[in-house]
Amino acid sequence: MKRFVLLLLLIVALAGFYYRQQIYVRDFRATVTRDGAVEDGAQVFFSMNDDILLENDNPPAYITLLQHDRPVLVPKQLNCIHFFICYAKGEDGIAAGMDDGAKLVSMTPNGAEYRDWSGKTAVVKFH
């Protein structure tokens, strides 16, 4: 039984390493502000290559993918263990939904700033 558990943990670790650029882990302390007001229900996830995934279930619900030197996107397929970890199938997304026309302004290890589809400034900040 111990060998089976050890083998299973090894397989999970190898899969996590192989798919590390597509796995997003939640940062519970990060905040999202839109035009200076903190958004209720906004969840911030980050990947190993410092890409940011934003999800908000409150109306208007959205999922947004912020990547270095790419336009603001929506993941093509997203599987999540709610409030904890997400897996985005493929590295690319599609410009669809509410964030059509959104633009990434800046991205640093401490967070990101972008303009959403309506022109409002959204700031993601890691604490």
N, C-alpha and C. Protein backbone atom coordinates (compact mmCIF):
# COMPACT_ATOMS: atom_id res chain seq x y z
N MET A 1 0.82 -1.20 0.00
CA MET A 1 0.00 0.00 0.00
C MET A 1 0.87 1.26 0.00
N LYS A 2 1.96 1.25 0.77
CA LYS A 2 2.84 2.41 0.82
C LYS A 2 3.46 2.67 -0.56
N ARG A 3 3.83 1.62 -1.25
CA ARG A 3 4.43 1.78 -2.58
C ARG A 3 3.42 2.35 -3.57
N PHE A 4 2.19 1.93 -3.46
CA PHE A 4 1.14 2.44 -4.35
C PHE A 4 0.94 3.94 -4.12
N VAL A 5 0.86 4.36 -2.87
CA VAL A 5 0.68 5.78 -2.54
C VAL A 5 1.89 6.58 -3.01
N LEU A 6 3.08 6.05 -2.80
CA LEU A 6 4.30 6.73 -3.22
C LEU A 6 4.34 6.86 -4.75
N LEU A 7 3.97 5.79 -5.45
CA LEU A 7 3.93 5.83 -6.90
C LEU A 7 2.88 6.83 -7.40
N LEU A 8 1.74 6.86 -6.76
CA LEU A 8 0.70 7.81 -7.13
C LEU A 8 1.16 9.25 -6.91
N LEU A 9 1.82 9.53 -5.80
CA LEU A 9 2.35 10.87 -5.55
C LEU A 9 3.42 11.26 -6.57
N LEU A 10 4.24 10.30 -6.97
CA LEU A 10 5.27 10.56 -7.97
C LEU A 10 4.64 10.90 -9.32
N ILE A 11 3.60 10.18 -9.70
CA ILE A 11 2.91 10.45 -10.96
C ILE A 11 2.26 11.83 -10.94
N VAL A 12 1.63 12.18 -9.82
CA VAL A 12 1.00 13.51 -9.69
C VAL A 12 2.07 14.61 -9.76
N ALA A 13 3.21 14.40 -9.11
CA ALA A 13 4.29 15.40 -9.15
C ALA A 13 4.84 15.57 -10.55
N LEU A 14 5.03 14.48 -11.28
CA LEU A 14 5.54 14.56 -12.65
C LEU A 14 4.52 15.24 -13.57
N ALA A 15 3.25 14.93 -13.41
CA ALA A 15 2.22 15.58 -14.22
C ALA A 15 2.15 17.07 -13.90
N GLY A 16 2.27 17.43 -12.63
CA GLY A 16 2.29 18.83 -12.23
C GLY A 16 3.47 19.58 -12.83
N PHE A 17 4.64 18.92 -12.88
CA PHE A 17 5.81 19.54 -13.48
C PHE A 17 5.64 19.71 -14.98
N TYR A 18 5.10 18.71 -15.64
CA TYR A 18 4.93 18.76 -17.09
C TYR A 18 3.90 19.81 -17.52
N TYR A 19 2.83 19.95 -16.76
CA TYR A 19 1.76 20.89 -17.09
C TYR A 19 1.83 22.18 -16.27
N ARG A 20 2.97 22.51 -15.73
CA ARG A 20 3.10 23.63 -14.79
C ARG A 20 2.69 24.98 -15.37
N GLN A 21 2.82 25.17 -16.69
CA GLN A 21 2.45 26.45 -17.28
C GLN A 21 0.95 26.56 -17.48
N GLN A 22 0.22 25.48 -17.31
CA GLN A 22 -1.22 25.50 -17.50
C GLN A 22 -1.97 25.32 -16.19
N ILE A 23 -1.25 25.16 -15.10
CA ILE A 23 -1.87 24.99 -13.78
C ILE A 23 -1.81 26.32 -13.04
N TYR A 24 -2.96 26.76 -12.56
CA TYR A 24 -3.08 28.03 -11.86
C TYR A 24 -3.50 27.76 -10.42
N VAL A 25 -2.73 28.31 -9.48
CA VAL A 25 -2.98 28.12 -8.05
C VAL A 25 -3.51 29.43 -7.49
N ARG A 26 -4.47 29.34 -6.63
CA ARG A 26 -5.13 30.53 -6.08
C ARG A 26 -4.24 31.23 -5.06
N ASP A 27 -4.22 32.54 -5.14
CA ASP A 27 -3.59 33.38 -4.13
C ASP A 27 -4.73 34.01 -3.34
N PHE A 28 -4.92 33.54 -2.13
CA PHE A 28 -6.06 33.97 -1.32
C PHE A 28 -5.94 35.41 -0.84
N ARG A 29 -4.73 35.96 -0.83
CA ARG A 29 -4.55 37.32 -0.34
C ARG A 29 -4.59 38.36 -1.43
N ALA A 30 -4.54 37.97 -2.69
CA ALA A 30 -4.53 38.93 -3.80
C ALA A 30 -5.88 39.63 -3.91
N THR A 31 -5.83 40.85 -4.41
CA THR A 31 -7.06 41.64 -4.56
C THR A 31 -7.18 42.17 -5.99
N VAL A 32 -8.41 42.42 -6.40
CA VAL A 32 -8.69 43.03 -7.69
C VAL A 32 -9.50 44.29 -7.42
N THR A 33 -9.01 45.41 -7.94
CA THR A 33 -9.77 46.66 -7.84
C THR A 33 -10.10 47.13 -9.25
N ARG A 34 -11.29 47.63 -9.42
CA ARG A 34 -11.73 48.15 -10.72
C ARG A 34 -12.17 49.58 -10.50
N ASP A 35 -11.45 50.51 -11.11
CA ASP A 35 -11.66 51.95 -10.91
C ASP A 35 -11.62 52.33 -9.44
N GLY A 36 -10.69 51.75 -8.71
CA GLY A 36 -10.47 52.09 -7.31
C GLY A 36 -11.32 51.35 -6.30
N ALA A 37 -12.34 50.60 -6.74
CA ALA A 37 -13.21 49.87 -5.81
C ALA A 37 -12.83 48.38 -5.82
N VAL A 38 -12.68 47.81 -4.64
CA VAL A 38 -12.34 46.39 -4.52
C VAL A 38 -13.52 45.55 -4.99
N GLU A 39 -13.23 44.58 -5.84
CA GLU A 39 -14.29 43.70 -6.37
C GLU A 39 -14.58 42.57 -5.39
N ASP A 40 -15.85 42.42 -5.04
CA ASP A 40 -16.25 41.32 -4.19
C ASP A 40 -16.31 40.04 -5.01
N GLY A 41 -15.78 38.96 -4.47
CA GLY A 41 -15.87 37.66 -5.12
C GLY A 41 -14.81 37.39 -6.17
N ALA A 42 -13.91 38.33 -6.41
CA ALA A 42 -12.86 38.12 -7.41
C ALA A 42 -11.82 37.16 -6.85
N GLN A 43 -11.50 36.15 -7.64
CA GLN A 43 -10.49 35.17 -7.26
C GLN A 43 -9.30 35.33 -8.20
N VAL A 44 -8.10 35.32 -7.64
CA VAL A 44 -6.88 35.50 -8.42
C VAL A 44 -6.06 34.21 -8.35
N PHE A 45 -5.72 33.69 -9.52
CA PHE A 45 -4.89 32.50 -9.64
C PHE A 45 -3.63 32.87 -10.41
N PHE A 46 -2.49 32.21 -10.13
CA PHE A 46 -1.27 32.48 -10.87
C PHE A 46 -0.60 31.17 -11.26
N SER A 47 0.17 31.23 -12.35
CA SER A 47 0.88 30.04 -12.83
C SER A 47 2.37 30.20 -12.55
N MET A 48 3.12 29.16 -12.87
CA MET A 48 4.57 29.17 -12.63
C MET A 48 5.28 30.21 -13.50
N ASN A 49 4.74 30.57 -14.65
CA ASN A 49 5.38 31.57 -15.49
C ASN A 49 4.75 32.95 -15.30
N ASP A 50 4.15 33.19 -14.13
CA ASP A 50 3.60 34.48 -13.71
C ASP A 50 2.43 34.97 -14.54
N ASP A 51 1.71 34.08 -15.21
CA ASP A 51 0.46 34.47 -15.85
C ASP A 51 -0.62 34.52 -14.77
N ILE A 52 -1.64 35.32 -15.00
CA ILE A 52 -2.68 35.53 -14.00
C ILE A 52 -4.03 35.14 -14.59
N LEU A 53 -4.80 34.41 -13.80
CA LEU A 53 -6.16 34.02 -14.17
C LEU A 53 -7.10 34.66 -13.16
N LEU A 54 -8.07 35.42 -13.65
CA LEU A 54 -9.06 36.06 -12.78
C LEU A 54 -10.40 35.40 -12.99
N GLU A 55 -11.08 35.14 -11.89
CA GLU A 55 -12.41 34.54 -11.97
C GLU A 55 -13.30 35.23 -10.95
N ASN A 56 -14.52 35.56 -11.38
CA ASN A 56 -15.49 36.15 -10.47
C ASN A 56 -16.84 35.54 -10.78
N ASP A 57 -17.46 34.92 -9.79
CA ASP A 57 -18.76 34.29 -9.96
C ASP A 57 -19.92 35.26 -9.73
N ASN A 58 -19.61 36.42 -9.13
CA ASN A 58 -20.65 37.41 -8.88
C ASN A 58 -20.98 38.15 -10.18
N PRO A 59 -22.23 38.61 -10.32
CA PRO A 59 -22.60 39.32 -11.55
C PRO A 59 -21.84 40.64 -11.67
N PRO A 60 -21.34 41.02 -12.79
CA PRO A 60 -21.28 40.22 -14.02
C PRO A 60 -20.11 39.24 -13.92
N ALA A 61 -20.39 37.97 -14.04
CA ALA A 61 -19.37 36.92 -13.91
C ALA A 61 -18.40 36.98 -15.09
N TYR A 62 -17.14 36.71 -14.80
CA TYR A 62 -16.14 36.72 -15.87
C TYR A 62 -14.99 35.78 -15.51
N ILE A 63 -14.26 35.38 -16.54
CA ILE A 63 -13.00 34.65 -16.42
C ILE A 63 -12.05 35.33 -17.38
N THR A 64 -10.90 35.78 -16.89
CA THR A 64 -9.96 36.54 -17.69
C THR A 64 -8.57 35.97 -17.51
N LEU A 65 -7.83 35.86 -18.60
CA LEU A 65 -6.47 35.35 -18.58
C LEU A 65 -5.52 36.46 -19.00
N LEU A 66 -4.58 36.82 -18.10
CA LEU A 66 -3.59 37.85 -18.37
C LEU A 66 -2.24 37.17 -18.54
N GLN A 67 -1.65 37.31 -19.72
CA GLN A 67 -0.36 36.70 -20.02
C GLN A 67 0.59 37.78 -20.52
N HIS A 68 1.89 37.57 -20.24
CA HIS A 68 2.92 38.52 -20.69
C HIS A 68 2.90 38.66 -22.21
N ASP A 69 2.93 39.89 -22.68
CA ASP A 69 3.04 40.22 -24.10
C ASP A 69 1.96 39.57 -24.97
N ARG A 70 0.77 39.38 -24.42
CA ARG A 70 -0.35 38.84 -25.19
C ARG A 70 -1.59 39.67 -24.86
N PRO A 71 -2.59 39.63 -25.72
CA PRO A 71 -3.83 40.35 -25.40
C PRO A 71 -4.57 39.66 -24.24
N VAL A 72 -5.48 40.37 -23.64
CA VAL A 72 -6.31 39.80 -22.58
C VAL A 72 -7.23 38.76 -23.21
N LEU A 73 -7.26 37.56 -22.63
CA LEU A 73 -7.98 36.44 -23.23
C LEU A 73 -8.91 35.76 -22.23
N VAL A 74 -9.72 34.86 -22.74
CA VAL A 74 -10.54 33.96 -21.95
C VAL A 74 -10.06 32.55 -22.27
N PRO A 75 -9.76 31.71 -21.27
CA PRO A 75 -9.28 30.35 -21.58
C PRO A 75 -10.29 29.57 -22.41
N LYS A 76 -9.77 28.75 -23.34
CA LYS A 76 -10.65 27.94 -24.18
C LYS A 76 -11.40 26.91 -23.33
N GLN A 77 -10.66 26.25 -22.45
CA GLN A 77 -11.29 25.25 -21.57
C GLN A 77 -10.62 25.36 -20.21
N LEU A 78 -11.42 25.43 -19.17
CA LEU A 78 -10.91 25.61 -17.81
C LEU A 78 -11.57 24.61 -16.88
N ASN A 79 -10.76 23.83 -16.18
CA ASN A 79 -11.25 22.89 -15.18
C ASN A 79 -10.71 23.31 -13.83
N CYS A 80 -11.57 23.42 -12.84
CA CYS A 80 -11.15 23.93 -11.53
C CYS A 80 -11.62 23.05 -10.39
N ILE A 81 -10.79 22.99 -9.37
CA ILE A 81 -11.23 22.57 -8.05
C ILE A 81 -11.54 23.90 -7.38
N HIS A 82 -12.82 24.21 -7.27
CA HIS A 82 -13.28 25.54 -6.94
C HIS A 82 -12.55 26.13 -5.73
N PHE A 83 -12.15 27.38 -5.85
CA PHE A 83 -11.46 28.16 -4.82
C PHE A 83 -10.04 27.69 -4.54
N PHE A 84 -9.46 26.75 -5.33
CA PHE A 84 -8.14 26.24 -4.99
C PHE A 84 -7.17 26.21 -6.16
N ILE A 85 -7.49 25.47 -7.21
CA ILE A 85 -6.56 25.27 -8.31
C ILE A 85 -7.34 25.10 -9.61
N CYS A 86 -6.77 25.58 -10.71
CA CYS A 86 -7.40 25.46 -12.02
C CYS A 86 -6.40 24.95 -13.05
N TYR A 87 -6.92 24.27 -14.05
CA TYR A 87 -6.11 23.77 -15.16
C TYR A 87 -6.72 24.32 -16.45
N ALA A 88 -5.93 25.10 -17.18
CA ALA A 88 -6.38 25.66 -18.45
C ALA A 88 -5.83 24.79 -19.57
N LYS A 89 -6.70 24.17 -20.32
CA LYS A 89 -6.26 23.30 -21.41
C LYS A 89 -5.69 24.15 -22.52
N GLY A 90 -4.46 23.90 -22.87
CA GLY A 90 -3.77 24.70 -23.88
C GLY A 90 -3.26 25.98 -23.28
N GLU A 91 -2.23 26.55 -23.89
CA GLU A 91 -1.64 27.78 -23.36
C GLU A 91 -2.33 29.03 -23.89
N ASP A 92 -3.09 28.88 -24.96
CA ASP A 92 -3.74 30.04 -25.56
C ASP A 92 -5.18 30.13 -25.11
N GLY A 93 -5.73 31.28 -25.32
CA GLY A 93 -7.15 31.49 -25.04
C GLY A 93 -7.80 32.14 -26.24
N ILE A 94 -9.03 32.55 -26.06
CA ILE A 94 -9.73 33.23 -27.12
C ILE A 94 -10.20 34.59 -26.61
N ALA A 95 -10.24 35.56 -27.47
CA ALA A 95 -10.76 36.87 -27.10
C ALA A 95 -12.27 36.80 -27.28
N ALA A 96 -12.95 36.48 -26.22
CA ALA A 96 -14.40 36.30 -26.30
C ALA A 96 -15.05 36.79 -25.02
N GLY A 97 -16.36 36.91 -25.06
CA GLY A 97 -17.12 37.27 -23.87
C GLY A 97 -16.99 38.74 -23.53
N MET A 98 -17.04 39.05 -22.26
CA MET A 98 -17.08 40.43 -21.81
C MET A 98 -15.77 41.16 -21.99
N ASP A 99 -14.65 40.44 -22.09
CA ASP A 99 -13.36 41.12 -22.18
C ASP A 99 -12.90 41.33 -23.62
N ASP A 100 -13.82 41.32 -24.58
CA ASP A 100 -13.47 41.69 -25.95
C ASP A 100 -12.92 43.12 -25.94
N GLY A 101 -11.77 43.31 -26.54
CA GLY A 101 -11.20 44.64 -26.61
C GLY A 101 -10.44 45.07 -25.37
N ALA A 102 -10.31 44.20 -24.38
CA ALA A 102 -9.54 44.54 -23.18
C ALA A 102 -8.06 44.59 -23.53
N LYS A 103 -7.29 45.38 -22.77
CA LYS A 103 -5.88 45.56 -23.08
C LYS A 103 -5.05 45.51 -21.81
N LEU A 104 -3.97 44.73 -21.85
CA LEU A 104 -3.04 44.65 -20.73
C LEU A 104 -2.16 45.88 -20.74
N VAL A 105 -2.12 46.62 -19.64
CA VAL A 105 -1.33 47.84 -19.55
C VAL A 105 0.07 47.52 -19.04
N SER A 106 0.15 46.82 -17.90
CA SER A 106 1.45 46.45 -17.34
C SER A 106 1.31 45.18 -16.52
N MET A 107 2.43 44.47 -16.40
CA MET A 107 2.44 43.23 -15.63
C MET A 107 3.79 43.10 -14.93
N THR A 108 3.76 42.96 -13.62
CA THR A 108 4.97 42.81 -12.81
C THR A 108 4.79 41.60 -11.90
N PRO A 109 5.85 41.17 -11.22
CA PRO A 109 5.68 40.07 -10.26
C PRO A 109 4.73 40.42 -9.10
N ASN A 110 4.47 41.72 -8.89
CA ASN A 110 3.59 42.15 -7.81
C ASN A 110 2.13 42.28 -8.23
N GLY A 111 1.85 42.11 -9.52
CA GLY A 111 0.48 42.23 -10.00
C GLY A 111 0.40 42.65 -11.45
N ALA A 112 -0.76 43.14 -11.83
CA ALA A 112 -0.98 43.55 -13.22
C ALA A 112 -2.03 44.65 -13.25
N GLU A 113 -2.02 45.38 -14.35
CA GLU A 113 -3.02 46.41 -14.59
C GLU A 113 -3.51 46.25 -16.02
N TYR A 114 -4.82 46.28 -16.19
CA TYR A 114 -5.39 46.19 -17.55
C TYR A 114 -6.67 46.99 -17.62
N ARG A 115 -7.04 47.32 -18.86
CA ARG A 115 -8.30 48.00 -19.10
C ARG A 115 -9.30 46.97 -19.61
N ASP A 116 -10.46 46.92 -18.99
CA ASP A 116 -11.45 45.91 -19.38
C ASP A 116 -12.22 46.36 -20.61
N TRP A 117 -13.20 45.60 -21.00
CA TRP A 117 -13.98 45.84 -22.22
C TRP A 117 -14.70 47.18 -22.21
N SER A 118 -15.02 47.69 -21.02
CA SER A 118 -15.74 48.96 -20.93
C SER A 118 -14.80 50.15 -20.73
N GLY A 119 -13.49 49.90 -20.71
CA GLY A 119 -12.52 50.98 -20.54
C GLY A 119 -12.15 51.27 -19.10
N LYS A 120 -12.71 50.51 -18.15
CA LYS A 120 -12.37 50.71 -16.74
C LYS A 120 -11.00 50.09 -16.45
N THR A 121 -10.26 50.73 -15.56
CA THR A 121 -8.95 50.23 -15.18
C THR A 121 -9.10 49.21 -14.06
N ALA A 122 -8.55 48.02 -14.28
CA ALA A 122 -8.56 46.96 -13.26
C ALA A 122 -7.12 46.70 -12.84
N VAL A 123 -6.92 46.60 -11.53
CA VAL A 123 -5.59 46.39 -10.97
C VAL A 123 -5.62 45.11 -10.11
N VAL A 124 -4.71 44.21 -10.41
CA VAL A 124 -4.54 42.97 -9.62
C VAL A 124 -3.29 43.18 -8.79
N LYS A 125 -3.41 42.97 -7.48
CA LYS A 125 -2.28 43.20 -6.59
C LYS A 125 -2.06 41.99 -5.69
N PHE A 126 -0.81 41.49 -5.69
CA PHE A 126 -0.43 40.41 -4.79
C PHE A 126 0.12 41.02 -3.51
N HIS A 127 -0.21 40.43 -2.37
CA HIS A 127 0.26 40.96 -1.08
C HIS A 127 1.32 40.07 -0.49
